[in-house]
């Protein structure tokens, strides 16, 4: 299942993606879905199997613009 880490800052999104890749999590930048309700435009996408590692990576840094994690359920994204 696909998950997103949603940020309000493009710079922090790209920094987080870099940190994920360094931690061995395959991640990429994708358009933020309208369901997120934020305006930055890009989010970090990764697979749910990597969620524990992605959450740990987030906890190691201070991302002031982090909005939350979203999960694709039934063709739509929703916040956890």
C-alpha atoms as a PDB file:
ATOM      1  CA  UNK A   1       0.000   0.000   0.000  1.00  0.00           C
ATOM      2  CA  UNK A   2       1.284   3.457  -0.907  1.00  0.00           C
ATOM      3  CA  UNK A   3       1.874   6.046   1.807  1.00  0.00           C
ATOM      4  CA  UNK A   4       2.715   9.733   1.719  1.00  0.00           C
ATOM      5  CA  UNK A   5       4.528  12.034   4.098  1.00  0.00           C
ATOM      6  CA  UNK A   6       2.918  15.433   3.618  1.00  0.00           C
ATOM      7  CA  UNK A   7       4.773  18.682   4.276  1.00  0.00           C
ATOM      8  CA  UNK A   8       3.919  22.365   3.839  1.00  0.00           C
ATOM      9  CA  UNK A   9       7.470  23.062   2.607  1.00  0.00           C
ATOM     10  CA  UNK A  10       8.987  21.821  -0.642  1.00  0.00           C
ATOM     11  CA  UNK A  11      12.510  22.131   0.780  1.00  0.00           C
ATOM     12  CA  UNK A  12      11.667  19.985   3.804  1.00  0.00           C
ATOM     13  CA  UNK A  13       9.930  17.420   1.599  1.00  0.00           C
ATOM     14  CA  UNK A  14      13.038  17.049  -0.545  1.00  0.00           C
ATOM     15  CA  UNK A  15      15.282  16.910   2.525  1.00  0.00           C
ATOM     16  CA  UNK A  16      13.089  14.156   4.005  1.00  0.00           C
ATOM     17  CA  UNK A  17      13.200  12.149   0.763  1.00  0.00           C
ATOM     18  CA  UNK A  18      16.987  12.347   0.822  1.00  0.00           C
ATOM     19  CA  UNK A  19      17.009  11.167   4.455  1.00  0.00           C
ATOM     20  CA  UNK A  20      14.681   8.274   3.575  1.00  0.00           C
ATOM     21  CA  UNK A  21      16.924   7.144   0.734  1.00  0.00           C
ATOM     22  CA  UNK A  22      19.968   7.330   3.027  1.00  0.00           C
ATOM     23  CA  UNK A  23      18.053   5.058   5.443  1.00  0.00           C
ATOM     24  CA  UNK A  24      17.374   2.538   2.675  1.00  0.00           C
ATOM     25  CA  UNK A  25      13.772   3.521   1.998  1.00  0.00           C
ATOM     26  CA  UNK A  26      12.891   3.795  -1.705  1.00  0.00           C
ATOM     27  CA  UNK A  27      11.060   7.121  -1.894  1.00  0.00           C
ATOM     28  CA  UNK A  28      10.170   9.705  -4.469  1.00  0.00           C
ATOM     29  CA  UNK A  29       8.540  13.100  -4.778  1.00  0.00           C
ATOM     30  CA  UNK A  30       4.939  13.072  -5.983  1.00  0.00           C
ATOM     31  CA  UNK A  31       2.129  15.598  -6.287  1.00  0.00           C
ATOM     32  CA  UNK A  32       0.302  16.126  -3.016  1.00  0.00           C
ATOM     33  CA  UNK A  33      -3.330  14.992  -3.354  1.00  0.00           C
ATOM     34  CA  UNK A  34      -6.055  17.574  -2.795  1.00  0.00           C
ATOM     35  CA  UNK A  35      -7.324  15.528   0.181  1.00  0.00           C
ATOM     36  CA  UNK A  36      -4.207  16.671   2.081  1.00  0.00           C
ATOM     37  CA  UNK A  37      -5.414  20.268   2.237  1.00  0.00           C
ATOM     38  CA  UNK A  38      -1.908  21.769   2.100  1.00  0.00           C
ATOM     39  CA  UNK A  39      -0.372  23.954  -0.541  1.00  0.00           C
ATOM     40  CA  UNK A  40       3.241  22.847  -1.040  1.00  0.00           C
ATOM     41  CA  UNK A  41       2.433  20.626  -3.991  1.00  0.00           C
ATOM     42  CA  UNK A  42       4.825  17.719  -3.397  1.00  0.00           C
ATOM     43  CA  UNK A  43       4.942  14.890  -0.879  1.00  0.00           C
ATOM     44  CA  UNK A  44       7.256  11.967  -0.169  1.00  0.00           C
ATOM     45  CA  UNK A  45       5.886   8.653  -1.422  1.00  0.00           C
ATOM     46  CA  UNK A  46       6.980   5.254  -0.095  1.00  0.00           C
ATOM     47  CA  UNK A  47       5.518   1.806   0.470  1.00  0.00           C
ATOM     48  CA  UNK A  48       3.761   0.910   3.718  1.00  0.00           C
ATOM     49  CA  UNK A  49       6.286  -1.833   4.513  1.00  0.00           C
ATOM     50  CA  UNK A  50       8.821   0.960   5.127  1.00  0.00           C
ATOM     51  CA  UNK A  51       6.531   2.967   7.437  1.00  0.00           C
ATOM     52  CA  UNK A  52       8.393   2.127  10.688  1.00  0.00           C
ATOM     53  CA  UNK A  53      11.676   3.263   9.119  1.00  0.00           C
ATOM     54  CA  UNK A  54      10.040   6.369   7.636  1.00  0.00           C
ATOM     55  CA  UNK A  55       8.552   7.320  11.014  1.00  0.00           C
ATOM     56  CA  UNK A  56      11.924   6.806  12.728  1.00  0.00           C
ATOM     57  CA  UNK A  57      13.620   8.963  10.088  1.00  0.00           C
ATOM     58  CA  UNK A  58      11.086  11.718  10.730  1.00  0.00           C
ATOM     59  CA  UNK A  59      11.706  11.571  14.492  1.00  0.00           C
ATOM     60  CA  UNK A  60      15.464  12.097  14.036  1.00  0.00           C
ATOM     61  CA  UNK A  61      14.984  15.560  12.552  1.00  0.00           C
ATOM     62  CA  UNK A  62      12.846  18.582  13.243  1.00  0.00           C
ATOM     63  CA  UNK A  63      10.493  19.177  10.342  1.00  0.00           C
ATOM     64  CA  UNK A  64       8.338  22.147  11.282  1.00  0.00           C
ATOM     65  CA  UNK A  65       6.218  21.847   8.140  1.00  0.00           C
ATOM     66  CA  UNK A  66       5.250  18.166   8.526  1.00  0.00           C
ATOM     67  CA  UNK A  67       1.453  17.766   8.205  1.00  0.00           C
ATOM     68  CA  UNK A  68       1.125  14.021   8.666  1.00  0.00           C
ATOM     69  CA  UNK A  69       1.196  10.640   7.005  1.00  0.00           C
ATOM     70  CA  UNK A  70      -1.452   9.623   4.504  1.00  0.00           C
ATOM     71  CA  UNK A  71      -2.373   6.153   3.288  1.00  0.00           C
ATOM     72  CA  UNK A  72      -4.046   5.137   0.053  1.00  0.00           C
ATOM     73  CA  UNK A  73      -7.244   3.290   0.925  1.00  0.00           C
ATOM     74  CA  UNK A  74      -9.789   2.498  -1.720  1.00  0.00           C
ATOM     75  CA  UNK A  75      -8.261   4.767  -4.352  1.00  0.00           C
ATOM     76  CA  UNK A  76      -8.195   7.810  -2.051  1.00  0.00           C
ATOM     77  CA  UNK A  77      -5.656   9.123   0.410  1.00  0.00           C
ATOM     78  CA  UNK A  78      -6.568   9.768   4.018  1.00  0.00           C
ATOM     79  CA  UNK A  79      -4.592  10.890   7.051  1.00  0.00           C
ATOM     80  CA  UNK A  80      -3.638   8.265   9.606  1.00  0.00           C
END
